[in-house]
């Protein structure tokens, strides 16, 4: 069944990936109308999230943000499909890296962990490996369909990126360090962990929620450099990326420093251009469920 689904879907993916950008965005406009006005995909979730984190904004402004988000989301997912046919030259033109020299400097001494949020176009974030000398990895959630999973791996491989699961990450860092290999590891770190498994609770966009702190645990344990990848959408189909240092040596940082700094930088990014965050996720679903032993001591 998995193979059959892949065989049916692949020709359509291939066809969309070959569309010129003008036609791709015309298709995106159509998908937006279908998704937002006809299907109404997760509209309530998106609006509730916006209302929750921006209580000071009037309803009219939130509705405008909601529509802008859906337009961007449609663009983003079709851009992800376009990745299949995107050349290195084209992605360098559309995804401009501002200060790669920071990564090049850090990777001389130790492996680097690049943390980012579900913001702008995180699929194209892996193209930064076109600029680095170290071995490039992206930590990802495997696709349940193994044929699509292999397809995703092959697409990202053309940008010198090897996909590894979260469970493989520590083993990969340890192995590379033993073999004298420096790596650059990309990780999207704003996921919402299961409440009963969370090791850390704190404020995100003014709301106390469980926080995924696996990036910090790994950076402190394995002494990785940590940088935040801030991506801004310049205009339709064009982005710029900037690296912001968080820690040169992970093991020398106090507990929760890396996680808290990541959260503050993510908040700043969201507040600058809220429409480009991934609002369909129920990121704040565990609010007000903080266990007593995680309560802050004043």
C-alpha atoms as a PDB file:
ATOM      1  CA  UNK A   1       0.000   0.000   0.000  1.00  0.00           C
ATOM      2  CA  UNK A   2       2.870   2.400   0.843  1.00  0.00           C
ATOM      3  CA  UNK A   3       4.425   1.756  -2.559  1.00  0.00           C
ATOM      4  CA  UNK A   4       1.104   2.252  -4.331  1.00  0.00           C
ATOM      5  CA  UNK A   5       0.534   5.618  -2.611  1.00  0.00           C
ATOM      6  CA  UNK A   6       4.045   6.705  -3.561  1.00  0.00           C
ATOM      7  CA  UNK A   7       3.604   5.608  -7.194  1.00  0.00           C
ATOM      8  CA  UNK A   8       0.355   7.589  -7.468  1.00  0.00           C
ATOM      9  CA  UNK A   9       1.690  10.718  -5.736  1.00  0.00           C
ATOM     10  CA  UNK A  10       5.185  10.922  -7.223  1.00  0.00           C
ATOM     11  CA  UNK A  11       4.229  12.041 -10.767  1.00  0.00           C
ATOM     12  CA  UNK A  12       2.202  14.954  -9.328  1.00  0.00           C
ATOM     13  CA  UNK A  13       5.068  15.951  -7.039  1.00  0.00           C
ATOM     14  CA  UNK A  14       7.473  15.793  -9.972  1.00  0.00           C
ATOM     15  CA  UNK A  15       5.134  17.873 -12.155  1.00  0.00           C
ATOM     16  CA  UNK A  16       4.663  20.594  -9.513  1.00  0.00           C
ATOM     17  CA  UNK A  17       8.406  20.722  -8.848  1.00  0.00           C
ATOM     18  CA  UNK A  18       9.003  21.507 -12.553  1.00  0.00           C
ATOM     19  CA  UNK A  19       6.639  24.473 -12.627  1.00  0.00           C
ATOM     20  CA  UNK A  20       8.284  27.876 -13.088  1.00  0.00           C
ATOM     21  CA  UNK A  21       7.942  30.012  -9.963  1.00  0.00           C
ATOM     22  CA  UNK A  22       5.255  32.241 -11.475  1.00  0.00           C
ATOM     23  CA  UNK A  23       3.058  29.203 -12.183  1.00  0.00           C
ATOM     24  CA  UNK A  24       3.954  27.701  -8.788  1.00  0.00           C
ATOM     25  CA  UNK A  25       2.645  30.770  -6.965  1.00  0.00           C
ATOM     26  CA  UNK A  26      -0.468  30.890  -9.129  1.00  0.00           C
ATOM     27  CA  UNK A  27      -1.123  27.330  -7.969  1.00  0.00           C
ATOM     28  CA  UNK A  28      -0.407  28.442  -4.399  1.00  0.00           C
ATOM     29  CA  UNK A  29      -3.048  31.172  -4.685  1.00  0.00           C
ATOM     30  CA  UNK A  30      -5.576  28.574  -5.791  1.00  0.00           C
ATOM     31  CA  UNK A  31      -4.629  26.198  -2.971  1.00  0.00           C
ATOM     32  CA  UNK A  32      -4.960  29.072  -0.490  1.00  0.00           C
ATOM     33  CA  UNK A  33      -8.544  29.799  -1.563  1.00  0.00           C
ATOM     34  CA  UNK A  34      -9.379  26.091  -1.384  1.00  0.00           C
ATOM     35  CA  UNK A  35      -7.691  25.528   1.973  1.00  0.00           C
ATOM     36  CA  UNK A  36      -8.840  28.692   3.720  1.00  0.00           C
ATOM     37  CA  UNK A  37     -12.281  29.455   2.311  1.00  0.00           C
ATOM     38  CA  UNK A  38     -13.563  26.027   1.213  1.00  0.00           C
ATOM     39  CA  UNK A  39     -11.966  23.451   3.525  1.00  0.00           C
ATOM     40  CA  UNK A  40     -11.196  25.776   6.425  1.00  0.00           C
ATOM     41  CA  UNK A  41      -8.196  23.680   7.444  1.00  0.00           C
ATOM     42  CA  UNK A  42      -7.413  24.303  11.142  1.00  0.00           C
ATOM     43  CA  UNK A  43      -8.706  27.870  10.987  1.00  0.00           C
ATOM     44  CA  UNK A  44      -9.965  27.686  14.556  1.00  0.00           C
ATOM     45  CA  UNK A  45      -6.606  26.370  15.820  1.00  0.00           C
ATOM     46  CA  UNK A  46      -4.709  29.149  14.049  1.00  0.00           C
ATOM     47  CA  UNK A  47      -6.990  31.925  15.255  1.00  0.00           C
ATOM     48  CA  UNK A  48      -7.010  30.599  18.832  1.00  0.00           C
ATOM     49  CA  UNK A  49      -3.205  30.470  18.843  1.00  0.00           C
ATOM     50  CA  UNK A  50      -2.945  34.024  17.558  1.00  0.00           C
ATOM     51  CA  UNK A  51      -5.503  35.238  20.069  1.00  0.00           C
ATOM     52  CA  UNK A  52      -3.681  33.442  22.867  1.00  0.00           C
ATOM     53  CA  UNK A  53      -0.234  34.926  22.241  1.00  0.00           C
ATOM     54  CA  UNK A  54      -1.394  38.357  21.040  1.00  0.00           C
ATOM     55  CA  UNK A  55      -4.233  39.194  23.465  1.00  0.00           C
ATOM     56  CA  UNK A  56      -3.586  42.905  22.945  1.00  0.00           C
ATOM     57  CA  UNK A  57      -4.346  42.789  19.208  1.00  0.00           C
ATOM     58  CA  UNK A  58      -7.917  43.516  18.015  1.00  0.00           C
ATOM     59  CA  UNK A  59      -9.859  40.770  16.258  1.00  0.00           C
ATOM     60  CA  UNK A  60      -9.601  42.510  12.887  1.00  0.00           C
ATOM     61  CA  UNK A  61      -5.800  42.508  13.036  1.00  0.00           C
ATOM     62  CA  UNK A  62      -5.719  38.842  14.055  1.00  0.00           C
ATOM     63  CA  UNK A  63      -7.935  37.929  11.115  1.00  0.00           C
ATOM     64  CA  UNK A  64      -5.547  39.722   8.756  1.00  0.00           C
ATOM     65  CA  UNK A  65      -2.615  37.839  10.293  1.00  0.00           C
ATOM     66  CA  UNK A  66      -4.517  34.585   9.903  1.00  0.00           C
ATOM     67  CA  UNK A  67      -5.044  35.138   6.170  1.00  0.00           C
ATOM     68  CA  UNK A  68      -1.413  36.170   5.672  1.00  0.00           C
ATOM     69  CA  UNK A  69      -0.282  33.023   7.447  1.00  0.00           C
ATOM     70  CA  UNK A  70      -2.356  30.741   5.216  1.00  0.00           C
ATOM     71  CA  UNK A  71      -1.015  32.432   2.084  1.00  0.00           C
ATOM     72  CA  UNK A  72       2.524  31.953   3.331  1.00  0.00           C
ATOM     73  CA  UNK A  73       1.887  28.352   4.383  1.00  0.00           C
ATOM     74  CA  UNK A  74       0.670  27.452   0.895  1.00  0.00           C
ATOM     75  CA  UNK A  75       3.716  29.125  -0.638  1.00  0.00           C
ATOM     76  CA  UNK A  76       6.030  27.348   1.776  1.00  0.00           C
ATOM     77  CA  UNK A  77       4.750  23.833   1.133  1.00  0.00           C
ATOM     78  CA  UNK A  78       4.850  24.288  -2.614  1.00  0.00           C
ATOM     79  CA  UNK A  79       8.385  25.676  -2.262  1.00  0.00           C
ATOM     80  CA  UNK A  80       9.231  22.471  -0.417  1.00  0.00           C
ATOM     81  CA  UNK A  81       7.976  20.478  -3.398  1.00  0.00           C
ATOM     82  CA  UNK A  82       9.921  22.780  -5.717  1.00  0.00           C
ATOM     83  CA  UNK A  83      13.066  21.768  -3.835  1.00  0.00           C
ATOM     84  CA  UNK A  84      13.102  18.570  -5.866  1.00  0.00           C
ATOM     85  CA  UNK A  85      14.031  20.505  -9.013  1.00  0.00           C
ATOM     86  CA  UNK A  86      15.853  23.441  -7.436  1.00  0.00           C
ATOM     87  CA  UNK A  87      19.505  23.893  -8.371  1.00  0.00           C
ATOM     88  CA  UNK A  88      22.215  25.066  -5.964  1.00  0.00           C
ATOM     89  CA  UNK A  89      22.556  28.287  -7.927  1.00  0.00           C
ATOM     90  CA  UNK A  90      18.827  28.980  -7.688  1.00  0.00           C
ATOM     91  CA  UNK A  91      18.580  28.277  -3.976  1.00  0.00           C
ATOM     92  CA  UNK A  92      21.601  30.484  -3.282  1.00  0.00           C
ATOM     93  CA  UNK A  93      19.805  33.301  -5.090  1.00  0.00           C
ATOM     94  CA  UNK A  94      16.539  32.768  -3.229  1.00  0.00           C
ATOM     95  CA  UNK A  95      17.964  31.861   0.184  1.00  0.00           C
ATOM     96  CA  UNK A  96      20.747  34.319   1.001  1.00  0.00           C
ATOM     97  CA  UNK A  97      23.076  33.512   3.896  1.00  0.00           C
ATOM     98  CA  UNK A  98      24.304  36.699   5.576  1.00  0.00           C
ATOM     99  CA  UNK A  99      27.200  35.669   7.843  1.00  0.00           C
ATOM    100  CA  UNK A 100      28.402  32.143   7.107  1.00  0.00           C
ATOM    101  CA  UNK A 101      31.820  33.194   8.391  1.00  0.00           C
ATOM    102  CA  UNK A 102      30.527  32.650  11.952  1.00  0.00           C
ATOM    103  CA  UNK A 103      29.907  28.948  11.237  1.00  0.00           C
ATOM    104  CA  UNK A 104      33.218  28.623   9.399  1.00  0.00           C
ATOM    105  CA  UNK A 105      35.006  30.044  12.433  1.00  0.00           C
ATOM    106  CA  UNK A 106      33.245  27.848  14.997  1.00  0.00           C
ATOM    107  CA  UNK A 107      33.597  24.610  13.023  1.00  0.00           C
ATOM    108  CA  UNK A 108      37.385  24.857  13.185  1.00  0.00           C
ATOM    109  CA  UNK A 109      37.293  23.952  16.888  1.00  0.00           C
ATOM    110  CA  UNK A 110      34.217  21.806  17.420  1.00  0.00           C
ATOM    111  CA  UNK A 111      30.996  20.595  15.858  1.00  0.00           C
ATOM    112  CA  UNK A 112      28.203  23.156  15.612  1.00  0.00           C
ATOM    113  CA  UNK A 113      24.537  22.800  16.506  1.00  0.00           C
ATOM    114  CA  UNK A 114      22.283  25.134  14.500  1.00  0.00           C
ATOM    115  CA  UNK A 115      18.872  25.552  16.149  1.00  0.00           C
ATOM    116  CA  UNK A 116      15.860  27.125  14.490  1.00  0.00           C
ATOM    117  CA  UNK A 117      12.081  27.329  14.731  1.00  0.00           C
ATOM    118  CA  UNK A 118       9.220  26.339  12.434  1.00  0.00           C
ATOM    119  CA  UNK A 119       9.454  29.705  10.766  1.00  0.00           C
ATOM    120  CA  UNK A 120       9.601  31.022   7.192  1.00  0.00           C
ATOM    121  CA  UNK A 121      10.868  28.159   4.982  1.00  0.00           C
ATOM    122  CA  UNK A 122      12.711  25.678   7.187  1.00  0.00           C
ATOM    123  CA  UNK A 123      13.066  23.190   4.333  1.00  0.00           C
ATOM    124  CA  UNK A 124      15.528  25.483   2.589  1.00  0.00           C
ATOM    125  CA  UNK A 125      17.509  25.916   5.815  1.00  0.00           C
ATOM    126  CA  UNK A 126      19.448  22.768   4.957  1.00  0.00           C
ATOM    127  CA  UNK A 127      20.955  24.585   1.971  1.00  0.00           C
ATOM    128  CA  UNK A 128      23.392  26.290   4.360  1.00  0.00           C
ATOM    129  CA  UNK A 129      25.445  23.115   3.988  1.00  0.00           C
ATOM    130  CA  UNK A 130      26.420  24.393   0.553  1.00  0.00           C
ATOM    131  CA  UNK A 131      28.582  26.939   2.383  1.00  0.00           C
ATOM    132  CA  UNK A 132      30.162  24.990   5.248  1.00  0.00           C
ATOM    133  CA  UNK A 133      33.245  22.813   5.248  1.00  0.00           C
ATOM    134  CA  UNK A 134      32.105  20.446   7.983  1.00  0.00           C
ATOM    135  CA  UNK A 135      29.828  17.487   7.341  1.00  0.00           C
ATOM    136  CA  UNK A 136      26.187  18.594   7.259  1.00  0.00           C
ATOM    137  CA  UNK A 137      23.365  16.846   9.101  1.00  0.00           C
ATOM    138  CA  UNK A 138      19.690  17.635   9.597  1.00  0.00           C
ATOM    139  CA  UNK A 139      17.802  16.093  12.502  1.00  0.00           C
ATOM    140  CA  UNK A 140      14.354  15.081  11.246  1.00  0.00           C
ATOM    141  CA  UNK A 141      11.228  13.097  12.024  1.00  0.00           C
ATOM    142  CA  UNK A 142      11.093  10.070   9.663  1.00  0.00           C
ATOM    143  CA  UNK A 143       8.136   9.843   7.298  1.00  0.00           C
ATOM    144  CA  UNK A 144       5.935   6.832   8.060  1.00  0.00           C
ATOM    145  CA  UNK A 145       5.880   5.848   4.382  1.00  0.00           C
ATOM    146  CA  UNK A 146       9.381   4.469   3.782  1.00  0.00           C
ATOM    147  CA  UNK A 147       9.288   5.307   0.068  1.00  0.00           C
ATOM    148  CA  UNK A 148       8.554   8.956   0.779  1.00  0.00           C
ATOM    149  CA  UNK A 149      11.145   8.857   3.558  1.00  0.00           C
ATOM    150  CA  UNK A 150      13.828   7.702   1.119  1.00  0.00           C
ATOM    151  CA  UNK A 151      12.638  10.310  -1.365  1.00  0.00           C
ATOM    152  CA  UNK A 152      13.017  13.127   1.194  1.00  0.00           C
ATOM    153  CA  UNK A 153      16.509  11.910   2.067  1.00  0.00           C
ATOM    154  CA  UNK A 154      17.556  11.873  -1.589  1.00  0.00           C
ATOM    155  CA  UNK A 155      16.251  15.400  -2.219  1.00  0.00           C
ATOM    156  CA  UNK A 156      18.126  16.864   0.742  1.00  0.00           C
ATOM    157  CA  UNK A 157      21.280  14.909  -0.061  1.00  0.00           C
ATOM    158  CA  UNK A 158      21.900  17.085  -3.124  1.00  0.00           C
ATOM    159  CA  UNK A 159      22.567  19.960  -0.690  1.00  0.00           C
ATOM    160  CA  UNK A 160      25.270  17.968   1.104  1.00  0.00           C
ATOM    161  CA  UNK A 161      22.879  17.133   3.933  1.00  0.00           C
ATOM    162  CA  UNK A 162      22.496  13.767   5.596  1.00  0.00           C
ATOM    163  CA  UNK A 163      19.239  13.235   7.472  1.00  0.00           C
ATOM    164  CA  UNK A 164      19.437  11.585  10.892  1.00  0.00           C
ATOM    165  CA  UNK A 165      16.796  10.928  13.513  1.00  0.00           C
ATOM    166  CA  UNK A 166      16.908  12.428  16.981  1.00  0.00           C
ATOM    167  CA  UNK A 167      17.926   9.050  18.397  1.00  0.00           C
ATOM    168  CA  UNK A 168      20.862   8.858  15.979  1.00  0.00           C
ATOM    169  CA  UNK A 169      22.176  12.352  16.693  1.00  0.00           C
ATOM    170  CA  UNK A 170      24.224  11.744  19.852  1.00  0.00           C
ATOM    171  CA  UNK A 171      25.748   8.572  18.404  1.00  0.00           C
ATOM    172  CA  UNK A 172      26.671  10.467  15.229  1.00  0.00           C
ATOM    173  CA  UNK A 173      28.334  13.335  17.126  1.00  0.00           C
ATOM    174  CA  UNK A 174      30.312  10.893  19.306  1.00  0.00           C
ATOM    175  CA  UNK A 175      31.389   8.818  16.305  1.00  0.00           C
ATOM    176  CA  UNK A 176      32.477  11.857  14.282  1.00  0.00           C
ATOM    177  CA  UNK A 177      34.379  13.289  17.248  1.00  0.00           C
ATOM    178  CA  UNK A 178      36.185   9.980  17.693  1.00  0.00           C
ATOM    179  CA  UNK A 179      37.082   9.986  13.986  1.00  0.00           C
ATOM    180  CA  UNK A 180      38.201  13.626  14.032  1.00  0.00           C
ATOM    181  CA  UNK A 181      35.269  14.802  11.898  1.00  0.00           C
ATOM    182  CA  UNK A 182      33.554  18.136  12.501  1.00  0.00           C
ATOM    183  CA  UNK A 183      29.827  18.325  11.827  1.00  0.00           C
ATOM    184  CA  UNK A 184      27.145  20.982  11.495  1.00  0.00           C
ATOM    185  CA  UNK A 185      23.853  19.688  12.895  1.00  0.00           C
ATOM    186  CA  UNK A 186      20.592  21.462  12.094  1.00  0.00           C
ATOM    187  CA  UNK A 187      17.681  20.994  14.503  1.00  0.00           C
ATOM    188  CA  UNK A 188      14.183  22.502  14.636  1.00  0.00           C
ATOM    189  CA  UNK A 189      13.738  22.990  18.377  1.00  0.00           C
ATOM    190  CA  UNK A 190      10.369  24.597  19.037  1.00  0.00           C
ATOM    191  CA  UNK A 191       8.334  21.385  19.129  1.00  0.00           C
ATOM    192  CA  UNK A 192       5.914  20.695  21.956  1.00  0.00           C
ATOM    193  CA  UNK A 193       6.961  17.597  23.945  1.00  0.00           C
ATOM    194  CA  UNK A 194       4.445  15.376  25.677  1.00  0.00           C
ATOM    195  CA  UNK A 195       3.629  16.991  29.009  1.00  0.00           C
ATOM    196  CA  UNK A 196       4.457  13.930  31.115  1.00  0.00           C
ATOM    197  CA  UNK A 197       7.867  13.556  29.429  1.00  0.00           C
ATOM    198  CA  UNK A 198       8.905  17.210  29.600  1.00  0.00           C
ATOM    199  CA  UNK A 199      12.071  17.971  31.555  1.00  0.00           C
ATOM    200  CA  UNK A 200      11.628  21.720  31.474  1.00  0.00           C
ATOM    201  CA  UNK A 201       8.704  24.146  31.658  1.00  0.00           C
ATOM    202  CA  UNK A 202       8.979  27.878  31.067  1.00  0.00           C
ATOM    203  CA  UNK A 203       7.323  30.821  29.310  1.00  0.00           C
ATOM    204  CA  UNK A 204       7.063  30.888  25.529  1.00  0.00           C
ATOM    205  CA  UNK A 205       5.260  33.912  24.096  1.00  0.00           C
ATOM    206  CA  UNK A 206       4.116  34.716  27.637  1.00  0.00           C
ATOM    207  CA  UNK A 207       2.563  31.314  28.313  1.00  0.00           C
ATOM    208  CA  UNK A 208       4.050  28.565  30.507  1.00  0.00           C
ATOM    209  CA  UNK A 209       4.387  25.358  28.495  1.00  0.00           C
ATOM    210  CA  UNK A 210       6.610  22.260  28.376  1.00  0.00           C
ATOM    211  CA  UNK A 211       9.764  22.913  26.404  1.00  0.00           C
ATOM    212  CA  UNK A 212      11.848  20.571  24.273  1.00  0.00           C
ATOM    213  CA  UNK A 213      15.396  20.907  25.628  1.00  0.00           C
ATOM    214  CA  UNK A 214      17.115  18.056  23.808  1.00  0.00           C
ATOM    215  CA  UNK A 215      19.336  20.491  21.885  1.00  0.00           C
ATOM    216  CA  UNK A 216      20.708  21.968  25.095  1.00  0.00           C
ATOM    217  CA  UNK A 217      21.247  18.578  26.756  1.00  0.00           C
ATOM    218  CA  UNK A 218      23.237  17.409  23.740  1.00  0.00           C
ATOM    219  CA  UNK A 219      25.225  20.652  23.420  1.00  0.00           C
ATOM    220  CA  UNK A 220      26.240  20.655  27.079  1.00  0.00           C
ATOM    221  CA  UNK A 221      27.042  16.949  27.200  1.00  0.00           C
ATOM    222  CA  UNK A 222      29.064  16.860  23.970  1.00  0.00           C
ATOM    223  CA  UNK A 223      30.430  20.421  24.122  1.00  0.00           C
ATOM    224  CA  UNK A 224      28.976  21.711  20.873  1.00  0.00           C
ATOM    225  CA  UNK A 225      28.925  25.300  19.704  1.00  0.00           C
ATOM    226  CA  UNK A 226      25.343  26.550  19.386  1.00  0.00           C
ATOM    227  CA  UNK A 227      23.965  29.183  17.039  1.00  0.00           C
ATOM    228  CA  UNK A 228      20.445  30.347  16.259  1.00  0.00           C
ATOM    229  CA  UNK A 229      19.375  30.491  12.643  1.00  0.00           C
ATOM    230  CA  UNK A 230      17.168  33.527  12.112  1.00  0.00           C
ATOM    231  CA  UNK A 231      15.370  33.460   8.775  1.00  0.00           C
ATOM    232  CA  UNK A 232      13.424  36.410   7.384  1.00  0.00           C
ATOM    233  CA  UNK A 233      11.122  36.415   4.392  1.00  0.00           C
ATOM    234  CA  UNK A 234      12.227  39.251   2.122  1.00  0.00           C
ATOM    235  CA  UNK A 235       9.437  38.794  -0.411  1.00  0.00           C
ATOM    236  CA  UNK A 236       7.579  35.955  -2.039  1.00  0.00           C
ATOM    237  CA  UNK A 237      10.058  33.173  -2.767  1.00  0.00           C
ATOM    238  CA  UNK A 238      13.054  34.980  -1.259  1.00  0.00           C
ATOM    239  CA  UNK A 239      14.565  34.600   2.200  1.00  0.00           C
ATOM    240  CA  UNK A 240      17.647  35.705   4.080  1.00  0.00           C
ATOM    241  CA  UNK A 241      19.346  33.815   6.892  1.00  0.00           C
ATOM    242  CA  UNK A 242      21.441  35.178   9.727  1.00  0.00           C
ATOM    243  CA  UNK A 243      23.376  33.222  12.360  1.00  0.00           C
ATOM    244  CA  UNK A 244      23.183  34.508  15.936  1.00  0.00           C
ATOM    245  CA  UNK A 245      25.673  32.998  18.406  1.00  0.00           C
ATOM    246  CA  UNK A 246      24.260  31.405  21.546  1.00  0.00           C
ATOM    247  CA  UNK A 247      27.251  29.515  22.968  1.00  0.00           C
ATOM    248  CA  UNK A 248      30.769  28.907  21.704  1.00  0.00           C
ATOM    249  CA  UNK A 249      31.198  26.027  24.147  1.00  0.00           C
ATOM    250  CA  UNK A 250      28.049  24.224  25.227  1.00  0.00           C
ATOM    251  CA  UNK A 251      29.582  22.611  28.316  1.00  0.00           C
ATOM    252  CA  UNK A 252      30.494  26.011  29.753  1.00  0.00           C
ATOM    253  CA  UNK A 253      26.922  27.327  29.785  1.00  0.00           C
ATOM    254  CA  UNK A 254      24.678  27.314  32.877  1.00  0.00           C
ATOM    255  CA  UNK A 255      21.638  25.046  32.905  1.00  0.00           C
ATOM    256  CA  UNK A 256      18.742  26.247  30.705  1.00  0.00           C
ATOM    257  CA  UNK A 257      20.792  29.110  29.226  1.00  0.00           C
ATOM    258  CA  UNK A 258      20.816  27.645  25.706  1.00  0.00           C
ATOM    259  CA  UNK A 259      17.116  26.787  25.776  1.00  0.00           C
ATOM    260  CA  UNK A 260      16.052  30.144  27.219  1.00  0.00           C
ATOM    261  CA  UNK A 261      18.175  32.082  24.732  1.00  0.00           C
ATOM    262  CA  UNK A 262      16.707  30.072  21.859  1.00  0.00           C
ATOM    263  CA  UNK A 263      13.189  30.836  23.084  1.00  0.00           C
ATOM    264  CA  UNK A 264      13.819  34.571  23.412  1.00  0.00           C
ATOM    265  CA  UNK A 265      15.306  34.729  19.908  1.00  0.00           C
ATOM    266  CA  UNK A 266      12.370  32.762  18.522  1.00  0.00           C
ATOM    267  CA  UNK A 267       9.908  35.095  20.241  1.00  0.00           C
ATOM    268  CA  UNK A 268      11.663  38.113  18.771  1.00  0.00           C
ATOM    269  CA  UNK A 269      11.497  36.555  15.316  1.00  0.00           C
ATOM    270  CA  UNK A 270       7.793  35.790  15.646  1.00  0.00           C
ATOM    271  CA  UNK A 271       6.924  39.277  16.890  1.00  0.00           C
ATOM    272  CA  UNK A 272       8.735  40.896  13.962  1.00  0.00           C
ATOM    273  CA  UNK A 273       6.703  39.004  11.330  1.00  0.00           C
ATOM    274  CA  UNK A 274       4.047  36.833  13.032  1.00  0.00           C
ATOM    275  CA  UNK A 275       2.511  35.571   9.801  1.00  0.00           C
ATOM    276  CA  UNK A 276       5.534  33.410   9.022  1.00  0.00           C
ATOM    277  CA  UNK A 277       5.380  31.197  12.120  1.00  0.00           C
ATOM    278  CA  UNK A 278       3.740  27.767  11.812  1.00  0.00           C
ATOM    279  CA  UNK A 279       0.495  28.481  13.662  1.00  0.00           C
ATOM    280  CA  UNK A 280      -1.353  25.268  12.765  1.00  0.00           C
ATOM    281  CA  UNK A 281       0.508  23.370  15.502  1.00  0.00           C
ATOM    282  CA  UNK A 282      -1.176  23.183  18.902  1.00  0.00           C
ATOM    283  CA  UNK A 283       1.982  24.554  20.502  1.00  0.00           C
ATOM    284  CA  UNK A 284       0.277  25.796  23.679  1.00  0.00           C
ATOM    285  CA  UNK A 285      -2.083  22.870  24.255  1.00  0.00           C
ATOM    286  CA  UNK A 286      -0.417  21.947  27.576  1.00  0.00           C
ATOM    287  CA  UNK A 287      -0.650  25.404  29.111  1.00  0.00           C
ATOM    288  CA  UNK A 288      -1.724  25.540  32.745  1.00  0.00           C
ATOM    289  CA  UNK A 289      -0.690  21.896  33.250  1.00  0.00           C
ATOM    290  CA  UNK A 290       2.719  22.553  34.780  1.00  0.00           C
ATOM    291  CA  UNK A 291       3.541  19.999  37.517  1.00  0.00           C
ATOM    292  CA  UNK A 292       4.191  21.513  40.945  1.00  0.00           C
ATOM    293  CA  UNK A 293       7.826  20.404  41.038  1.00  0.00           C
ATOM    294  CA  UNK A 294       8.545  22.499  37.912  1.00  0.00           C
ATOM    295  CA  UNK A 295       7.140  25.681  39.417  1.00  0.00           C
ATOM    296  CA  UNK A 296       9.587  28.601  39.425  1.00  0.00           C
ATOM    297  CA  UNK A 297      11.011  29.656  42.736  1.00  0.00           C
ATOM    298  CA  UNK A 298      10.769  33.426  43.159  1.00  0.00           C
END
